[in-house]
């Protein structure tokens, strides 16, 4: 993990894996990363959050903003996997279905 608290890598299937922790202290760098991805996107973006141990509301706001920006261009942002903590946040805020997650918190 870097000093920013989170890392990312593009997987062989084209999805992006995000690991570590995203909270208010690093949400600006996460937002910059997401905005760059969205700006360059020519197709839907998929994320694997199965190694993201912590996400707070500021990180969730970044994901929602990226989803909104993509939707304005007819593209989607989907999430393939979540950790229990991230799943709980998605369930509490009822945003899982917005990202293609049917069984939030599982």
N, C-alpha and C. Protein backbone atom coordinates (compact mmCIF):
# COMPACT_ATOMS: atom_id res chain seq x y z
N UNK A 1 0.85 -1.18 0.00
CA UNK A 1 0.00 0.00 0.00
C UNK A 1 0.89 1.24 0.00
N UNK A 2 0.43 2.27 -0.64
CA UNK A 2 1.20 3.51 -0.70
C UNK A 2 0.85 4.39 0.48
N UNK A 3 1.53 5.52 0.56
CA UNK A 3 1.25 6.46 1.65
C UNK A 3 -0.15 7.03 1.54
N UNK A 4 -0.77 6.93 0.36
CA UNK A 4 -2.12 7.46 0.21
C UNK A 4 -3.16 6.54 0.85
N UNK A 5 -2.79 5.30 1.20
CA UNK A 5 -3.71 4.42 1.89
C UNK A 5 -4.43 3.43 0.99
N UNK A 6 -4.35 3.63 -0.31
CA UNK A 6 -5.04 2.73 -1.23
C UNK A 6 -4.19 2.56 -2.49
N UNK A 7 -4.43 1.49 -3.19
CA UNK A 7 -3.75 1.24 -4.44
C UNK A 7 -4.78 0.77 -5.47
N UNK A 8 -4.36 0.79 -6.71
CA UNK A 8 -5.24 0.31 -7.78
C UNK A 8 -4.41 -0.44 -8.81
N UNK A 9 -5.07 -1.35 -9.49
CA UNK A 9 -4.42 -2.04 -10.59
C UNK A 9 -5.49 -2.48 -11.58
N UNK A 10 -5.12 -2.48 -12.84
CA UNK A 10 -6.04 -2.95 -13.85
C UNK A 10 -5.85 -4.45 -14.00
N UNK A 11 -6.95 -5.20 -13.91
CA UNK A 11 -6.91 -6.65 -14.00
C UNK A 11 -6.93 -7.09 -15.45
N UNK A 12 -6.60 -8.36 -15.67
CA UNK A 12 -6.54 -8.90 -17.02
C UNK A 12 -7.87 -8.77 -17.77
N UNK A 13 -8.99 -8.84 -17.02
CA UNK A 13 -10.30 -8.74 -17.67
C UNK A 13 -10.74 -7.30 -17.91
N UNK A 14 -9.87 -6.34 -17.60
CA UNK A 14 -10.19 -4.94 -17.82
C UNK A 14 -10.78 -4.22 -16.63
N UNK A 15 -11.19 -4.98 -15.61
CA UNK A 15 -11.73 -4.36 -14.41
C UNK A 15 -10.59 -3.69 -13.63
N UNK A 16 -10.96 -2.79 -12.74
CA UNK A 16 -9.99 -2.15 -11.87
C UNK A 16 -10.15 -2.69 -10.46
N UNK A 17 -9.06 -3.13 -9.85
CA UNK A 17 -9.07 -3.58 -8.46
C UNK A 17 -8.56 -2.44 -7.59
N UNK A 18 -9.29 -2.15 -6.53
CA UNK A 18 -8.88 -1.12 -5.58
C UNK A 18 -8.69 -1.80 -4.23
N UNK A 19 -7.52 -1.56 -3.61
CA UNK A 19 -7.16 -2.19 -2.34
C UNK A 19 -6.85 -1.12 -1.30
N UNK A 20 -6.90 -1.52 -0.05
CA UNK A 20 -6.50 -0.63 1.04
C UNK A 20 -7.68 0.03 1.71
N UNK A 21 -7.50 1.32 2.02
CA UNK A 21 -8.52 2.07 2.74
C UNK A 21 -8.73 3.43 2.08
N UNK A 22 -9.99 3.79 1.91
CA UNK A 22 -10.31 5.11 1.36
C UNK A 22 -11.21 5.83 2.36
N UNK A 23 -10.67 6.92 2.90
CA UNK A 23 -11.43 7.76 3.82
C UNK A 23 -11.22 9.22 3.42
N UNK A 24 -11.73 10.13 4.23
CA UNK A 24 -11.67 11.55 3.90
C UNK A 24 -10.25 12.03 3.64
N UNK A 25 -9.27 11.47 4.36
CA UNK A 25 -7.89 11.94 4.23
C UNK A 25 -7.28 11.63 2.86
N UNK A 26 -7.84 10.66 2.13
CA UNK A 26 -7.30 10.31 0.82
C UNK A 26 -8.34 10.42 -0.30
N UNK A 27 -9.51 10.91 0.03
CA UNK A 27 -10.58 10.94 -0.97
C UNK A 27 -10.25 11.88 -2.14
N UNK A 28 -9.44 12.91 -1.92
CA UNK A 28 -9.08 13.81 -3.02
C UNK A 28 -8.23 13.08 -4.06
N UNK A 29 -7.30 12.25 -3.62
CA UNK A 29 -6.48 11.51 -4.59
C UNK A 29 -7.32 10.44 -5.27
N UNK A 30 -8.24 9.83 -4.54
CA UNK A 30 -9.13 8.85 -5.15
C UNK A 30 -10.03 9.52 -6.18
N UNK A 31 -10.53 10.71 -5.86
CA UNK A 31 -11.37 11.46 -6.80
C UNK A 31 -10.58 11.80 -8.07
N UNK A 32 -9.34 12.22 -7.92
CA UNK A 32 -8.52 12.55 -9.10
C UNK A 32 -8.32 11.32 -9.98
N UNK A 33 -8.05 10.18 -9.36
CA UNK A 33 -7.89 8.93 -10.10
C UNK A 33 -9.18 8.58 -10.85
N UNK A 34 -10.31 8.66 -10.15
CA UNK A 34 -11.58 8.30 -10.76
C UNK A 34 -11.96 9.27 -11.88
N UNK A 35 -11.72 10.55 -11.69
CA UNK A 35 -12.04 11.53 -12.74
C UNK A 35 -11.21 11.27 -13.99
N UNK A 36 -9.94 10.91 -13.81
CA UNK A 36 -9.09 10.59 -14.96
C UNK A 36 -9.60 9.35 -15.69
N UNK A 37 -10.01 8.34 -14.92
CA UNK A 37 -10.56 7.13 -15.55
C UNK A 37 -11.84 7.45 -16.32
N UNK A 38 -12.72 8.20 -15.71
CA UNK A 38 -13.99 8.55 -16.34
C UNK A 38 -13.74 9.36 -17.61
N UNK A 39 -12.83 10.32 -17.54
CA UNK A 39 -12.55 11.17 -18.69
C UNK A 39 -12.04 10.36 -19.88
N UNK A 40 -11.28 9.31 -19.61
CA UNK A 40 -10.73 8.50 -20.68
C UNK A 40 -11.56 7.29 -21.06
N UNK A 41 -12.66 7.08 -20.37
CA UNK A 41 -13.47 5.87 -20.59
C UNK A 41 -14.17 5.90 -21.94
N UNK A 42 -14.02 4.79 -22.67
CA UNK A 42 -14.75 4.63 -23.93
C UNK A 42 -15.78 3.50 -23.82
N UNK A 43 -15.80 2.87 -22.64
CA UNK A 43 -16.76 1.81 -22.37
C UNK A 43 -17.04 1.80 -20.87
N UNK A 44 -17.95 0.92 -20.45
CA UNK A 44 -18.30 0.82 -19.04
C UNK A 44 -17.06 0.54 -18.20
N UNK A 45 -17.07 1.01 -16.95
CA UNK A 45 -15.99 0.73 -16.01
C UNK A 45 -16.47 -0.28 -14.98
N UNK A 46 -15.62 -1.27 -14.69
CA UNK A 46 -15.92 -2.28 -13.68
C UNK A 46 -14.86 -2.23 -12.60
N UNK A 47 -15.33 -2.38 -11.35
CA UNK A 47 -14.42 -2.33 -10.21
C UNK A 47 -14.58 -3.56 -9.33
N UNK A 48 -13.45 -4.06 -8.86
CA UNK A 48 -13.40 -5.14 -7.88
C UNK A 48 -12.93 -4.49 -6.58
N UNK A 49 -13.84 -4.40 -5.61
CA UNK A 49 -13.51 -3.81 -4.32
C UNK A 49 -13.33 -4.88 -3.26
N UNK A 50 -13.05 -6.10 -3.70
CA UNK A 50 -12.90 -7.23 -2.80
C UNK A 50 -11.68 -7.18 -1.91
N UNK A 51 -10.79 -6.23 -2.16
CA UNK A 51 -9.60 -6.05 -1.31
C UNK A 51 -9.57 -4.67 -0.67
N UNK A 52 -10.69 -3.95 -0.78
CA UNK A 52 -10.80 -2.62 -0.16
C UNK A 52 -11.31 -2.81 1.26
N UNK A 53 -10.42 -2.68 2.24
CA UNK A 53 -10.80 -3.00 3.62
C UNK A 53 -11.67 -1.93 4.27
N UNK A 54 -11.61 -0.70 3.78
CA UNK A 54 -12.41 0.36 4.38
C UNK A 54 -12.78 1.41 3.34
N UNK A 55 -14.03 1.83 3.37
CA UNK A 55 -14.54 2.90 2.53
C UNK A 55 -15.50 3.71 3.37
N UNK A 56 -15.29 5.04 3.43
CA UNK A 56 -16.24 5.87 4.18
C UNK A 56 -17.13 6.64 3.20
N UNK A 57 -17.94 7.52 3.75
CA UNK A 57 -18.91 8.23 2.92
C UNK A 57 -18.25 9.13 1.88
N UNK A 58 -17.07 9.65 2.17
CA UNK A 58 -16.40 10.49 1.18
C UNK A 58 -15.94 9.66 -0.02
N UNK A 59 -15.48 8.44 0.21
CA UNK A 59 -15.10 7.55 -0.87
C UNK A 59 -16.32 7.10 -1.66
N UNK A 60 -17.40 6.84 -0.95
CA UNK A 60 -18.65 6.46 -1.61
C UNK A 60 -19.15 7.60 -2.49
N UNK A 61 -19.01 8.83 -2.01
CA UNK A 61 -19.41 9.99 -2.81
C UNK A 61 -18.62 10.07 -4.11
N UNK A 62 -17.34 9.70 -4.07
CA UNK A 62 -16.52 9.69 -5.29
C UNK A 62 -17.06 8.66 -6.27
N UNK A 63 -17.39 7.47 -5.78
CA UNK A 63 -17.95 6.43 -6.66
C UNK A 63 -19.27 6.88 -7.27
N UNK A 64 -20.12 7.52 -6.47
CA UNK A 64 -21.40 8.00 -6.98
C UNK A 64 -21.22 9.11 -8.02
N UNK A 65 -20.24 9.98 -7.78
CA UNK A 65 -19.95 11.05 -8.75
C UNK A 65 -19.47 10.44 -10.07
N UNK A 66 -18.57 9.47 -9.99
CA UNK A 66 -18.06 8.82 -11.20
C UNK A 66 -19.19 8.13 -11.95
N UNK A 67 -20.08 7.48 -11.21
CA UNK A 67 -21.24 6.82 -11.82
C UNK A 67 -22.11 7.83 -12.56
N UNK A 68 -22.35 8.96 -11.93
CA UNK A 68 -23.19 10.01 -12.53
C UNK A 68 -22.54 10.57 -13.80
N UNK A 69 -21.24 10.83 -13.76
CA UNK A 69 -20.53 11.36 -14.92
C UNK A 69 -20.54 10.36 -16.08
N UNK A 70 -20.36 9.08 -15.76
CA UNK A 70 -20.41 8.06 -16.81
C UNK A 70 -21.82 7.94 -17.38
N UNK A 71 -22.82 7.95 -16.51
CA UNK A 71 -24.21 7.82 -16.96
C UNK A 71 -24.59 8.95 -17.92
N UNK A 72 -24.05 10.14 -17.71
CA UNK A 72 -24.33 11.26 -18.59
C UNK A 72 -23.81 11.00 -20.00
N UNK A 73 -22.86 10.08 -20.11
CA UNK A 73 -22.28 9.71 -21.41
C UNK A 73 -22.80 8.36 -21.88
N UNK A 74 -23.80 7.81 -21.19
CA UNK A 74 -24.39 6.54 -21.59
C UNK A 74 -23.57 5.33 -21.17
N UNK A 75 -22.67 5.51 -20.19
CA UNK A 75 -21.82 4.41 -19.72
C UNK A 75 -22.18 4.05 -18.29
N UNK A 76 -21.70 2.90 -17.85
CA UNK A 76 -22.01 2.41 -16.50
C UNK A 76 -20.74 2.22 -15.68
N UNK A 77 -20.90 2.28 -14.36
CA UNK A 77 -19.87 1.90 -13.41
C UNK A 77 -20.46 0.78 -12.58
N UNK A 78 -19.86 -0.39 -12.64
CA UNK A 78 -20.36 -1.52 -11.86
C UNK A 78 -19.27 -2.01 -10.91
N UNK A 79 -19.72 -2.65 -9.85
CA UNK A 79 -18.83 -3.20 -8.83
C UNK A 79 -19.04 -4.70 -8.80
N UNK A 80 -17.96 -5.44 -8.92
CA UNK A 80 -18.04 -6.91 -9.00
C UNK A 80 -17.95 -7.59 -7.64
N UNK A 81 -17.21 -7.01 -6.71
CA UNK A 81 -17.00 -7.65 -5.41
C UNK A 81 -16.78 -6.57 -4.35
N UNK A 82 -17.20 -6.87 -3.14
CA UNK A 82 -16.98 -5.95 -2.02
C UNK A 82 -16.57 -6.75 -0.78
N UNK A 83 -15.84 -6.10 0.10
CA UNK A 83 -15.52 -6.68 1.39
C UNK A 83 -16.73 -6.50 2.31
N UNK A 84 -16.76 -7.19 3.45
CA UNK A 84 -17.91 -7.02 4.36
C UNK A 84 -18.15 -5.57 4.78
N UNK A 85 -17.11 -4.82 5.08
CA UNK A 85 -17.30 -3.43 5.50
C UNK A 85 -17.89 -2.59 4.38
N UNK A 86 -17.35 -2.74 3.19
CA UNK A 86 -17.85 -1.97 2.05
C UNK A 86 -19.28 -2.42 1.71
N UNK A 87 -19.53 -3.71 1.78
CA UNK A 87 -20.88 -4.21 1.55
C UNK A 87 -21.88 -3.66 2.54
N UNK A 88 -21.45 -3.52 3.79
CA UNK A 88 -22.34 -2.97 4.82
C UNK A 88 -22.66 -1.50 4.51
N UNK A 89 -21.66 -0.74 4.10
CA UNK A 89 -21.88 0.66 3.74
C UNK A 89 -22.84 0.76 2.55
N UNK A 90 -22.63 -0.08 1.54
CA UNK A 90 -23.53 -0.08 0.38
C UNK A 90 -24.96 -0.45 0.80
N UNK A 91 -25.09 -1.40 1.71
CA UNK A 91 -26.42 -1.82 2.18
C UNK A 91 -27.09 -0.71 3.00
N UNK A 92 -26.34 -0.09 3.90
CA UNK A 92 -26.91 0.97 4.75
C UNK A 92 -27.37 2.16 3.92
N UNK A 93 -26.64 2.46 2.88
CA UNK A 93 -26.97 3.61 2.04
C UNK A 93 -27.85 3.23 0.86
N UNK A 94 -28.10 1.95 0.70
CA UNK A 94 -28.98 1.40 -0.35
C UNK A 94 -28.51 1.76 -1.76
N UNK A 95 -27.18 1.80 -1.97
CA UNK A 95 -26.66 2.14 -3.29
C UNK A 95 -26.17 0.92 -4.06
N UNK A 96 -26.15 -0.25 -3.44
CA UNK A 96 -25.66 -1.44 -4.12
C UNK A 96 -26.26 -1.67 -5.50
N UNK A 97 -27.59 -1.60 -5.63
CA UNK A 97 -28.19 -1.81 -6.95
C UNK A 97 -27.73 -0.79 -8.01
N UNK A 98 -27.35 0.40 -7.59
CA UNK A 98 -26.86 1.40 -8.55
C UNK A 98 -25.56 0.95 -9.21
N UNK A 99 -24.83 0.06 -8.50
CA UNK A 99 -23.55 -0.42 -9.00
C UNK A 99 -23.64 -1.87 -9.47
N UNK A 100 -24.86 -2.38 -9.62
CA UNK A 100 -25.03 -3.73 -10.12
C UNK A 100 -24.91 -4.81 -9.06
N UNK A 101 -24.96 -4.44 -7.80
CA UNK A 101 -24.88 -5.43 -6.71
C UNK A 101 -26.28 -5.77 -6.23
N UNK A 102 -26.63 -7.02 -6.36
CA UNK A 102 -27.97 -7.44 -5.92
C UNK A 102 -27.97 -7.82 -4.45
N UNK A 103 -26.96 -8.55 -4.00
CA UNK A 103 -26.91 -9.03 -2.62
C UNK A 103 -25.97 -8.23 -1.77
N UNK A 104 -26.30 -6.99 -1.53
CA UNK A 104 -25.43 -6.10 -0.75
C UNK A 104 -25.12 -6.69 0.60
N UNK A 105 -23.88 -6.48 1.03
CA UNK A 105 -23.47 -6.90 2.36
C UNK A 105 -23.20 -8.37 2.49
N UNK A 106 -23.32 -9.12 1.41
CA UNK A 106 -23.09 -10.57 1.49
C UNK A 106 -21.65 -10.88 1.23
